[in-house]
N, C-alpha and C. Protein backbone atom coordinates (compact mmCIF):
# COMPACT_ATOMS: atom_id res chain seq x y z
N UNK A 1 125.11 120.92 132.10
CA UNK A 1 124.42 119.76 131.56
C UNK A 1 123.05 120.17 130.98
N UNK A 2 122.41 121.23 131.67
CA UNK A 2 121.18 121.71 131.06
C UNK A 2 121.34 122.35 129.79
N UNK A 3 122.52 123.17 129.75
CA UNK A 3 122.77 123.80 128.25
C UNK A 3 122.89 122.69 127.34
N UNK A 4 123.64 121.65 127.59
CA UNK A 4 123.96 120.56 126.61
C UNK A 4 122.56 119.86 126.17
N UNK A 5 121.71 119.79 127.04
CA UNK A 5 120.24 119.07 126.86
C UNK A 5 119.61 120.10 125.82
N UNK A 6 119.59 121.33 126.18
CA UNK A 6 118.98 122.32 125.31
C UNK A 6 119.65 122.39 123.89
N UNK A 7 120.96 122.48 123.93
CA UNK A 7 121.69 122.46 122.57
C UNK A 7 121.19 121.24 121.76
N UNK A 8 121.37 120.04 122.46
CA UNK A 8 120.91 118.77 121.56
C UNK A 8 119.61 118.82 121.16
N UNK A 9 118.69 119.34 121.88
CA UNK A 9 117.18 119.36 121.58
C UNK A 9 116.97 120.18 120.25
N UNK A 10 117.63 121.64 120.39
CA UNK A 10 117.63 122.47 119.37
C UNK A 10 118.18 122.01 118.21
N UNK A 11 119.14 121.01 118.25
CA UNK A 11 119.77 120.62 117.08
C UNK A 11 118.99 119.51 116.43
N UNK A 12 118.30 118.75 117.29
CA UNK A 12 117.44 117.65 116.69
C UNK A 12 116.18 118.29 116.01
N UNK A 13 115.64 119.37 116.68
CA UNK A 13 114.58 120.13 115.97
C UNK A 13 114.95 120.69 114.63
N UNK A 14 116.16 121.27 114.56
CA UNK A 14 116.62 121.86 113.35
C UNK A 14 116.80 120.84 112.33
N UNK A 15 117.59 119.51 112.67
CA UNK A 15 117.75 118.61 111.75
C UNK A 15 116.41 117.90 111.18
N UNK A 16 115.51 117.88 112.03
CA UNK A 16 114.08 117.25 111.70
C UNK A 16 113.45 118.27 110.71
N UNK A 17 113.43 119.45 110.98
CA UNK A 17 112.89 120.66 110.09
C UNK A 17 113.74 120.45 108.74
N UNK A 18 114.84 120.43 108.79
CA UNK A 18 115.72 120.56 107.47
C UNK A 18 115.40 119.14 106.72
N UNK A 19 115.35 117.98 107.25
CA UNK A 19 115.00 116.84 106.57
C UNK A 19 113.50 116.82 105.97
N UNK A 20 112.66 117.43 106.82
CA UNK A 20 111.28 117.64 106.36
C UNK A 20 111.24 118.41 105.13
N UNK A 21 111.90 119.61 105.05
CA UNK A 21 111.95 120.61 104.04
C UNK A 21 112.65 119.83 102.86
N UNK A 22 113.65 119.17 103.01
CA UNK A 22 114.43 118.49 101.93
C UNK A 22 113.43 117.51 101.20
N UNK A 23 112.67 116.71 102.22
CA UNK A 23 111.80 115.59 101.56
C UNK A 23 110.70 116.29 100.82
N UNK A 24 110.30 117.28 101.26
CA UNK A 24 108.98 117.92 100.51
C UNK A 24 109.45 118.62 99.38
N UNK A 25 110.74 119.11 99.26
CA UNK A 25 111.11 119.67 97.99
C UNK A 25 111.20 118.60 96.84
N UNK A 26 111.28 117.31 97.30
CA UNK A 26 111.44 116.14 96.34
C UNK A 26 109.90 115.66 95.93
N UNK A 27 108.92 116.12 96.50
CA UNK A 27 107.73 115.74 96.41
C UNK A 27 106.84 116.51 95.61
N UNK A 28 106.16 116.01 94.34
CA UNK A 28 105.62 116.88 93.32
C UNK A 28 104.01 116.31 93.25
N UNK A 29 103.28 117.24 92.88
CA UNK A 29 101.82 116.97 92.82
C UNK A 29 101.31 117.23 91.30
N UNK A 30 101.16 116.16 90.53
CA UNK A 30 100.62 116.18 89.15
C UNK A 30 99.18 116.25 89.24
N UNK A 31 98.46 116.93 88.40
CA UNK A 31 97.13 117.08 88.33
C UNK A 31 96.79 117.17 86.95
N UNK A 32 96.01 116.29 86.29
CA UNK A 32 95.50 116.67 84.83
C UNK A 32 94.21 116.04 84.59
N UNK A 33 93.50 116.40 83.33
CA UNK A 33 92.20 116.06 82.97
C UNK A 33 92.15 115.97 81.61
N UNK A 34 91.33 115.13 81.14
CA UNK A 34 91.08 115.02 79.51
C UNK A 34 90.18 113.95 79.27
N UNK A 35 90.37 113.25 78.19
CA UNK A 35 89.37 112.21 77.77
C UNK A 35 89.93 110.81 77.83
N UNK A 36 89.12 109.70 77.88
CA UNK A 36 89.64 108.45 77.60
C UNK A 36 88.62 107.72 76.84
N UNK A 37 89.11 106.74 76.33
CA UNK A 37 88.24 105.78 75.27
C UNK A 37 88.49 104.45 75.77
N UNK A 38 87.76 103.34 75.24
CA UNK A 38 87.88 102.20 75.50
C UNK A 38 88.10 101.22 74.25
N UNK A 39 88.68 100.13 74.53
CA UNK A 39 88.96 99.16 73.32
C UNK A 39 87.86 98.09 73.08
N UNK A 40 86.87 98.25 74.27
CA UNK A 40 85.64 97.39 74.14
C UNK A 40 84.63 97.98 73.56
N UNK A 41 83.92 97.30 72.32
CA UNK A 41 82.79 97.93 71.70
C UNK A 41 81.69 98.38 72.59
N UNK A 42 81.43 97.66 73.84
CA UNK A 42 80.31 97.94 74.54
C UNK A 42 80.61 99.12 75.77
N UNK A 43 81.71 99.52 75.73
CA UNK A 43 82.09 100.63 76.63
C UNK A 43 82.40 101.94 75.68
N UNK A 44 81.79 103.13 76.29
CA UNK A 44 81.92 104.30 75.50
C UNK A 44 83.09 105.20 76.08
N UNK A 45 83.52 106.36 75.48
CA UNK A 45 84.39 107.28 75.94
C UNK A 45 83.92 108.21 77.11
N UNK A 46 84.78 108.80 77.76
CA UNK A 46 84.35 109.53 78.95
C UNK A 46 85.41 110.56 79.24
N UNK A 47 85.15 111.55 80.32
CA UNK A 47 85.94 112.49 80.79
C UNK A 47 86.66 112.00 81.80
N UNK A 48 88.14 112.18 81.85
CA UNK A 48 89.09 111.71 82.61
C UNK A 48 89.71 112.59 83.49
N UNK A 49 90.03 112.08 84.81
CA UNK A 49 90.67 113.10 85.75
C UNK A 49 91.57 112.25 86.52
N UNK A 50 92.81 112.99 86.89
CA UNK A 50 93.82 112.14 87.62
C UNK A 50 94.54 113.16 88.62
N UNK A 51 94.69 112.64 89.94
CA UNK A 51 95.26 113.39 91.00
C UNK A 51 96.61 112.43 91.48
N UNK A 52 97.68 112.85 91.61
CA UNK A 52 98.96 112.02 91.72
C UNK A 52 99.82 112.76 92.77
N UNK A 53 100.72 111.79 93.24
CA UNK A 53 101.87 112.27 94.02
C UNK A 53 103.09 111.53 93.66
N UNK A 54 104.09 112.38 93.38
CA UNK A 54 105.19 111.90 92.70
C UNK A 54 106.57 112.33 93.60
N UNK A 55 107.47 111.23 93.99
CA UNK A 55 108.71 111.49 94.62
C UNK A 55 109.72 111.40 93.61
N UNK A 56 110.61 112.43 93.80
CA UNK A 56 111.83 112.41 92.77
C UNK A 56 113.10 112.48 93.66
N UNK A 57 113.97 111.58 93.69
CA UNK A 57 115.10 111.76 94.33
C UNK A 57 115.97 112.81 93.73
N UNK A 58 116.07 112.89 92.36
CA UNK A 58 116.55 114.04 91.67
C UNK A 58 115.44 114.74 91.09
N UNK A 59 115.15 116.00 91.39
CA UNK A 59 114.07 116.73 90.97
C UNK A 59 114.25 117.07 89.51
N UNK A 60 115.31 116.79 88.84
CA UNK A 60 115.38 117.47 87.37
C UNK A 60 115.37 116.21 86.47
N UNK A 61 115.79 115.12 86.89
CA UNK A 61 115.84 113.90 85.94
C UNK A 61 116.04 112.62 86.69
N UNK A 62 115.90 111.45 85.83
CA UNK A 62 116.28 110.16 86.43
C UNK A 62 114.79 109.47 87.17
N UNK A 63 115.21 108.53 87.99
CA UNK A 63 114.13 107.73 88.71
C UNK A 63 113.03 108.60 89.56
N UNK A 64 111.88 108.21 89.42
CA UNK A 64 110.80 108.76 90.18
C UNK A 64 109.89 107.57 90.57
N UNK A 65 109.05 108.01 91.68
CA UNK A 65 107.94 107.07 91.90
C UNK A 65 106.81 107.75 91.77
N UNK A 66 105.68 106.99 91.26
CA UNK A 66 104.42 107.89 90.99
C UNK A 66 103.26 106.97 91.64
N UNK A 67 102.46 107.70 92.37
CA UNK A 67 101.23 107.06 93.00
C UNK A 67 100.17 107.89 92.52
N UNK A 68 98.99 107.34 92.10
CA UNK A 68 97.96 108.19 91.55
C UNK A 68 96.54 107.56 91.85
N UNK A 69 95.50 108.38 91.55
CA UNK A 69 94.12 107.96 91.63
C UNK A 69 93.53 108.54 90.38
N UNK A 70 93.03 107.49 89.67
CA UNK A 70 92.36 107.95 88.49
C UNK A 70 90.84 107.70 88.38
N UNK A 71 90.10 108.65 87.82
CA UNK A 71 88.57 108.43 87.93
C UNK A 71 88.16 108.74 86.51
N UNK A 72 87.15 107.90 85.88
CA UNK A 72 86.39 108.17 84.83
C UNK A 72 85.10 107.28 84.88
N UNK A 73 84.12 107.94 84.28
CA UNK A 73 82.69 107.17 84.29
C UNK A 73 82.27 107.03 82.84
N UNK A 74 82.43 105.75 82.37
CA UNK A 74 81.98 105.38 80.91
C UNK A 74 80.60 104.88 80.77
N UNK A 75 79.84 105.27 79.74
CA UNK A 75 78.60 104.64 79.42
C UNK A 75 78.91 103.14 78.87
N UNK A 76 78.03 102.23 79.19
CA UNK A 76 78.14 100.92 78.83
C UNK A 76 76.85 100.31 78.32
N UNK A 77 76.96 99.36 77.43
CA UNK A 77 75.74 98.49 77.20
C UNK A 77 76.01 96.99 77.55
N UNK A 78 75.04 96.15 77.56
CA UNK A 78 75.24 94.93 78.09
C UNK A 78 75.88 93.90 76.95
N UNK A 79 76.07 94.41 75.75
CA UNK A 79 76.63 93.35 74.76
C UNK A 79 78.03 93.24 74.90
N UNK A 80 78.21 91.99 75.48
CA UNK A 80 79.68 91.57 75.71
C UNK A 80 80.10 91.85 77.15
N UNK A 81 79.52 92.41 78.02
CA UNK A 81 79.91 92.93 79.33
C UNK A 81 79.03 92.45 80.27
N UNK A 82 79.44 91.75 81.22
CA UNK A 82 78.70 91.36 82.46
C UNK A 82 78.82 92.33 83.58
N UNK A 83 77.69 93.01 83.78
CA UNK A 83 77.71 93.77 85.10
C UNK A 83 76.33 93.97 85.53
N UNK A 84 76.00 93.18 86.66
CA UNK A 84 74.59 93.34 87.14
C UNK A 84 73.68 92.84 86.15
N UNK A 85 72.38 93.44 86.18
CA UNK A 85 71.31 93.06 85.33
C UNK A 85 70.73 94.40 84.56
N UNK A 86 71.40 95.48 84.71
CA UNK A 86 71.01 96.53 83.85
C UNK A 86 71.54 96.56 82.37
N UNK A 87 70.64 96.76 81.33
CA UNK A 87 70.93 96.60 80.01
C UNK A 87 71.92 97.78 79.53
N UNK A 88 71.87 99.00 80.14
CA UNK A 88 72.88 99.84 79.72
C UNK A 88 72.89 100.87 80.86
N UNK A 89 73.89 101.60 80.93
CA UNK A 89 74.25 102.64 82.19
C UNK A 89 75.55 103.17 82.18
N UNK A 90 75.85 103.73 83.22
CA UNK A 90 77.21 104.22 83.52
C UNK A 90 78.12 103.36 84.38
N UNK A 91 79.15 103.10 84.15
CA UNK A 91 80.13 102.30 85.01
C UNK A 91 81.32 103.33 85.46
N UNK A 92 81.42 103.51 86.88
CA UNK A 92 82.46 104.33 87.29
C UNK A 92 83.73 103.71 87.69
N UNK A 93 84.78 104.06 87.03
CA UNK A 93 86.08 103.47 87.29
C UNK A 93 86.96 104.28 88.30
N UNK A 94 87.48 103.72 89.39
CA UNK A 94 88.45 104.53 90.18
C UNK A 94 89.79 103.49 90.28
N UNK A 95 90.75 104.01 89.73
CA UNK A 95 92.17 103.32 89.78
C UNK A 95 92.95 103.78 90.74
N UNK A 96 93.43 102.85 91.52
CA UNK A 96 94.54 103.29 92.40
C UNK A 96 95.76 102.49 91.90
N UNK A 97 96.85 103.36 91.63
CA UNK A 97 98.10 102.70 90.87
C UNK A 97 99.40 103.42 91.49
N UNK A 98 100.39 102.56 91.48
CA UNK A 98 101.78 102.98 91.93
C UNK A 98 102.76 102.36 91.18
N UNK A 99 103.90 102.90 91.00
CA UNK A 99 105.00 102.39 90.11
C UNK A 99 106.01 103.32 89.85
N UNK A 100 107.23 102.74 89.19
CA UNK A 100 108.36 103.69 88.93
C UNK A 100 108.23 104.34 87.64
N UNK A 101 109.16 105.19 87.47
CA UNK A 101 109.23 105.97 86.09
C UNK A 101 110.65 106.54 86.04
N UNK A 102 110.84 107.21 84.84
CA UNK A 102 112.28 107.66 84.53
C UNK A 102 112.08 109.06 83.79
N UNK A 103 112.66 110.02 84.09
CA UNK A 103 112.48 111.26 83.51
C UNK A 103 113.59 111.69 82.57
N UNK A 104 113.44 112.11 81.38
CA UNK A 104 114.62 112.23 80.46
C UNK A 104 114.49 113.77 80.27
N UNK A 105 115.79 114.42 80.43
CA UNK A 105 116.08 115.87 80.37
C UNK A 105 116.47 116.20 78.95
N UNK A 106 115.43 116.84 78.24
CA UNK A 106 115.76 117.29 76.90
C UNK A 106 116.55 118.60 76.91
N UNK A 107 116.05 119.55 77.78
CA UNK A 107 116.77 120.90 78.11
C UNK A 107 116.23 121.30 79.38
N UNK A 108 116.54 122.47 79.85
CA UNK A 108 116.13 122.96 81.21
C UNK A 108 114.61 123.14 81.22
N UNK A 109 114.00 123.35 80.09
CA UNK A 109 112.66 123.71 79.97
C UNK A 109 111.79 122.54 79.59
N UNK A 110 112.28 121.52 78.81
CA UNK A 110 111.60 120.40 78.12
C UNK A 110 112.06 119.17 78.66
N UNK A 111 111.19 118.31 79.31
CA UNK A 111 111.61 116.84 79.80
C UNK A 111 110.38 115.94 79.31
N UNK A 112 110.76 114.60 79.24
CA UNK A 112 109.77 113.62 79.04
C UNK A 112 109.77 112.54 80.22
N UNK A 113 108.72 112.18 80.77
CA UNK A 113 108.64 111.20 81.86
C UNK A 113 107.88 110.10 81.43
N UNK A 114 108.42 109.04 81.60
CA UNK A 114 107.80 107.66 81.29
C UNK A 114 107.43 106.85 82.64
N UNK A 115 106.47 106.27 82.70
CA UNK A 115 106.16 105.51 83.94
C UNK A 115 105.33 104.24 83.78
N UNK A 116 105.54 103.17 84.53
CA UNK A 116 104.76 101.91 84.42
C UNK A 116 104.21 101.49 86.03
N UNK A 117 103.07 101.37 85.88
CA UNK A 117 102.31 101.37 87.23
C UNK A 117 101.33 99.92 87.32
N UNK A 118 101.17 99.61 88.48
CA UNK A 118 100.23 98.38 88.76
C UNK A 118 99.36 98.80 89.98
N UNK A 119 98.31 98.13 90.06
CA UNK A 119 97.23 98.38 91.17
C UNK A 119 95.99 97.67 90.92
N UNK A 120 95.01 98.45 91.44
CA UNK A 120 93.69 97.93 91.23
C UNK A 120 92.59 98.86 90.83
N UNK A 121 91.40 98.55 90.33
CA UNK A 121 90.41 99.34 89.83
C UNK A 121 89.02 98.83 90.45
N UNK A 122 88.43 99.94 90.90
CA UNK A 122 87.06 99.68 91.43
C UNK A 122 86.10 100.03 90.40
N UNK A 123 85.17 98.96 89.74
CA UNK A 123 84.25 99.29 88.88
C UNK A 123 82.71 99.25 89.55
N UNK A 124 82.13 100.46 89.46
CA UNK A 124 80.77 100.56 90.07
C UNK A 124 79.66 100.76 89.10
N UNK A 125 78.67 99.97 89.27
CA UNK A 125 77.43 100.10 88.44
C UNK A 125 76.22 100.15 89.25
N UNK A 126 75.13 100.31 88.52
CA UNK A 126 73.69 99.95 89.23
C UNK A 126 73.11 98.75 88.88
N UNK A 127 72.43 98.19 89.77
CA UNK A 127 71.65 96.91 89.55
C UNK A 127 70.25 96.98 90.21
N UNK A 128 69.31 96.40 89.38
CA UNK A 128 67.82 96.42 89.76
C UNK A 128 67.42 95.26 90.27
N UNK A 129 66.80 95.35 91.34
CA UNK A 129 66.18 94.30 92.24
C UNK A 129 64.59 94.44 92.62
N UNK A 130 63.96 93.49 92.85
CA UNK A 130 62.46 93.73 93.03
C UNK A 130 62.48 94.29 94.64
N UNK A 131 61.58 95.36 94.79
CA UNK A 131 61.45 95.78 96.27
C UNK A 131 60.72 94.91 97.00
N UNK A 132 61.17 94.62 98.30
CA UNK A 132 60.61 93.78 99.26
C UNK A 132 59.38 94.37 99.83
N UNK A 133 58.30 93.56 99.84
CA UNK A 133 56.96 93.82 100.18
C UNK A 133 56.19 94.79 99.27
N UNK A 134 56.79 95.22 98.07
CA UNK A 134 56.03 96.00 97.18
C UNK A 134 56.03 95.36 95.85
N UNK A 135 54.91 94.53 95.41
CA UNK A 135 55.02 93.70 94.01
C UNK A 135 54.92 95.05 93.06
N UNK A 136 55.50 94.47 91.89
CA UNK A 136 55.52 95.42 90.81
C UNK A 136 56.58 96.51 90.95
N UNK A 137 57.22 96.79 92.07
CA UNK A 137 58.18 97.97 92.24
C UNK A 137 59.65 97.31 92.33
N UNK A 138 60.48 98.22 92.03
CA UNK A 138 62.01 97.76 92.16
C UNK A 138 62.85 98.76 92.74
N UNK A 139 63.99 98.22 93.29
CA UNK A 139 64.91 99.11 93.90
C UNK A 139 66.31 99.12 92.94
N UNK A 140 66.83 100.23 92.93
CA UNK A 140 68.11 100.52 92.09
C UNK A 140 69.22 100.54 93.13
N UNK A 141 70.12 99.64 92.93
CA UNK A 141 71.21 99.62 94.19
C UNK A 141 72.42 99.69 93.45
N UNK A 142 73.41 99.88 94.32
CA UNK A 142 74.97 99.94 93.77
C UNK A 142 75.52 98.66 93.70
N UNK A 143 76.31 98.28 92.70
CA UNK A 143 77.09 97.12 92.60
C UNK A 143 78.55 97.45 92.25
N UNK A 144 79.70 97.03 93.11
CA UNK A 144 80.89 97.32 92.61
C UNK A 144 81.74 96.05 92.90
N UNK A 145 82.97 96.11 92.21
CA UNK A 145 83.97 95.00 92.40
C UNK A 145 85.28 95.64 92.07
N UNK A 146 86.35 94.97 92.71
CA UNK A 146 87.72 95.25 92.57
C UNK A 146 88.34 94.33 91.44
N UNK A 147 89.11 94.86 90.55
CA UNK A 147 89.78 94.23 89.51
C UNK A 147 91.17 94.68 89.38
N UNK A 148 92.12 93.72 88.80
CA UNK A 148 93.58 94.27 88.60
C UNK A 148 93.58 95.22 87.70
N UNK A 149 94.42 96.43 87.70
CA UNK A 149 94.66 97.27 86.75
C UNK A 149 96.14 97.60 86.66
N UNK A 150 96.58 97.97 85.52
CA UNK A 150 97.91 98.28 85.11
C UNK A 150 98.05 99.66 84.14
N UNK A 151 99.07 100.31 84.25
CA UNK A 151 99.11 101.53 83.37
C UNK A 151 100.47 101.77 82.83
N UNK A 152 100.63 102.17 81.56
CA UNK A 152 101.88 102.82 80.97
C UNK A 152 101.54 104.12 80.42
N UNK A 153 102.39 105.13 80.84
CA UNK A 153 101.96 106.51 80.58
C UNK A 153 103.30 107.34 80.15
N UNK A 154 103.10 108.45 79.62
CA UNK A 154 104.09 109.50 79.14
C UNK A 154 103.69 110.84 79.37
N UNK A 155 104.47 111.64 79.92
CA UNK A 155 104.06 112.98 80.11
C UNK A 155 105.19 113.96 79.53
N UNK A 156 104.71 114.79 78.50
CA UNK A 156 105.64 115.72 77.83
C UNK A 156 105.52 117.13 78.61
N UNK A 157 106.61 117.49 79.17
CA UNK A 157 106.74 118.58 80.18
C UNK A 157 107.36 119.94 79.83
N UNK A 158 106.72 120.94 79.97
CA UNK A 158 107.44 122.31 79.76
C UNK A 158 107.57 123.00 81.16
N UNK A 159 108.64 123.30 81.49
CA UNK A 159 108.95 123.89 83.02
C UNK A 159 109.03 125.41 82.87
N UNK A 160 108.20 126.02 83.60
CA UNK A 160 108.19 127.51 83.90
C UNK A 160 109.33 127.77 84.78
N UNK A 161 109.42 126.96 85.83
CA UNK A 161 110.58 126.91 86.69
C UNK A 161 110.90 125.54 87.33
N UNK A 162 111.99 125.30 88.00
CA UNK A 162 112.22 124.06 88.40
C UNK A 162 111.16 123.37 89.21
N UNK A 163 110.36 124.07 89.84
CA UNK A 163 109.22 123.51 90.61
C UNK A 163 107.95 123.54 90.07
N UNK A 164 107.70 124.08 88.84
CA UNK A 164 106.41 124.09 88.08
C UNK A 164 106.50 123.73 86.81
N UNK A 165 105.61 122.85 86.25
CA UNK A 165 105.58 122.69 84.71
C UNK A 165 104.10 122.38 84.30
N UNK A 166 104.01 122.60 83.05
CA UNK A 166 102.71 122.29 82.28
C UNK A 166 102.99 121.02 81.47
N UNK A 167 102.06 120.03 81.42
CA UNK A 167 102.40 118.85 80.53
C UNK A 167 101.29 118.34 79.80
N UNK A 168 101.65 117.64 78.70
CA UNK A 168 100.59 116.98 77.95
C UNK A 168 100.94 115.45 78.35
N UNK A 169 99.71 114.67 78.78
CA UNK A 169 99.83 113.49 79.21
C UNK A 169 99.09 112.42 78.29
N UNK A 170 99.88 111.24 78.09
CA UNK A 170 99.33 110.34 77.25
C UNK A 170 99.52 108.84 78.24
N UNK A 171 98.23 108.13 78.30
CA UNK A 171 98.30 107.12 79.06
C UNK A 171 97.62 105.77 78.48
N UNK A 172 98.09 104.77 78.98
CA UNK A 172 97.25 103.49 78.44
C UNK A 172 96.90 102.55 79.69
N UNK A 173 95.90 103.02 80.45
CA UNK A 173 95.54 102.05 81.50
C UNK A 173 94.86 100.73 80.98
N UNK A 174 95.05 99.67 81.67
CA UNK A 174 94.23 98.38 81.30
C UNK A 174 93.52 98.02 82.60
N UNK A 175 92.35 97.46 82.37
CA UNK A 175 91.45 97.00 83.49
C UNK A 175 90.96 95.62 83.08
N UNK A 176 90.87 94.58 84.17
CA UNK A 176 90.24 93.47 83.78
C UNK A 176 88.69 93.60 83.99
N UNK A 177 87.92 93.19 82.91
CA UNK A 177 86.42 93.30 82.83
C UNK A 177 85.93 92.06 82.45
N UNK A 178 84.94 91.57 83.21
CA UNK A 178 84.24 90.23 82.81
C UNK A 178 83.52 90.49 81.54
N UNK A 179 83.64 89.29 80.69
CA UNK A 179 83.08 89.35 79.25
C UNK A 179 82.10 87.99 79.35
N UNK A 180 81.15 88.32 78.54
CA UNK A 180 79.95 87.15 78.42
C UNK A 180 80.74 85.95 77.43
N UNK A 181 81.40 86.45 76.53
CA UNK A 181 82.02 85.34 75.65
C UNK A 181 83.41 84.91 76.16
N UNK A 182 83.69 83.53 76.45
CA UNK A 182 84.86 83.06 77.00
C UNK A 182 86.09 83.30 76.12
N UNK A 183 85.87 83.35 74.77
CA UNK A 183 86.89 83.67 74.00
C UNK A 183 87.40 85.04 73.78
N UNK A 184 86.55 86.04 74.34
CA UNK A 184 87.02 87.47 74.34
C UNK A 184 87.97 87.73 75.21
N UNK A 185 88.73 88.86 75.00
CA UNK A 185 89.79 89.21 75.80
C UNK A 185 89.33 89.98 77.04
N UNK A 186 89.36 89.77 78.15
CA UNK A 186 88.89 90.57 79.33
C UNK A 186 89.68 91.68 79.82
N UNK A 187 90.84 91.76 79.13
CA UNK A 187 91.63 93.09 79.76
C UNK A 187 91.46 94.13 78.60
N UNK A 188 90.57 95.17 79.18
CA UNK A 188 90.18 96.55 78.43
C UNK A 188 91.16 97.45 78.53
N UNK A 189 91.56 98.13 77.36
CA UNK A 189 92.54 99.22 77.52
C UNK A 189 91.64 100.45 77.49
N UNK A 190 91.96 101.49 78.19
CA UNK A 190 91.44 102.84 78.10
C UNK A 190 92.32 103.89 77.81
N UNK A 191 92.77 104.09 76.57
CA UNK A 191 93.69 105.21 76.19
C UNK A 191 93.17 106.56 76.62
N UNK A 192 94.12 107.29 77.06
CA UNK A 192 93.78 108.79 77.77
C UNK A 192 94.81 109.69 77.06
N UNK A 193 94.13 110.84 77.09
CA UNK A 193 94.82 112.07 76.37
C UNK A 193 94.46 113.20 77.43
N UNK A 194 95.48 113.84 77.94
CA UNK A 194 95.11 114.99 79.15
C UNK A 194 96.22 116.14 79.17
N UNK A 195 95.63 117.26 79.74
CA UNK A 195 96.52 118.46 79.96
C UNK A 195 96.66 118.62 81.47
N UNK A 196 97.65 118.96 82.08
CA UNK A 196 97.77 119.29 83.39
C UNK A 196 98.96 120.02 83.75
N UNK A 197 99.17 120.19 85.14
CA UNK A 197 100.41 120.91 85.71
C UNK A 197 100.87 119.94 86.85
N UNK A 198 102.23 120.41 87.05
CA UNK A 198 102.84 119.68 88.19
C UNK A 198 103.77 120.63 89.09
N UNK A 199 103.39 120.56 90.28
CA UNK A 199 104.16 121.42 91.18
C UNK A 199 104.81 121.04 92.37
N UNK A 200 105.97 121.43 92.82
CA UNK A 200 106.51 120.80 94.07
C UNK A 200 105.62 121.24 95.31
N UNK A 201 105.77 120.44 96.37
CA UNK A 201 104.97 120.69 97.54
C UNK A 201 105.67 121.62 98.31
N UNK A 202 106.94 121.93 98.18
CA UNK A 202 107.78 123.10 98.84
C UNK A 202 108.25 124.21 97.76
């Protein structure tokens, strides 16, 4: 009986390790950086960076699920944008997105991956307020809000081996931004162009 228990325990440990190894071999880590622009006249371009986690049931092609954290800090002016009471400054965007995608295999080395994601964006800016108890002095405080965000993207990949590739990324994130004019469209697009790499976790 003792030998049976030991055998079963060893088998469970082996199966667990095998399952973990198998799962990690399907997990990939895309990282890229580049530039982003805005379709709103009051928001300027910026440096863009993305860290992602991707699960591929088939590591070569087909369906995948992509979760990512995007960051970019864009200069803005108050014309047409409602953010606190500062006339101009920097707005820090942090997007948390998740969604499905599909990878097309052109050859063993070249692939194209398309993804469509939804999530939320945190917009952080500075706001000026009178300092309490000190006439004529002001405090600079942080002001942030969460808004809906979505993104369509494409990655043009070149594989050095099945577990590592270099890629050119093209993205079209969209974030809801408050406008002063009711007739203006509040959904601002932030087209991105980036270079990066993608590697398996195992």
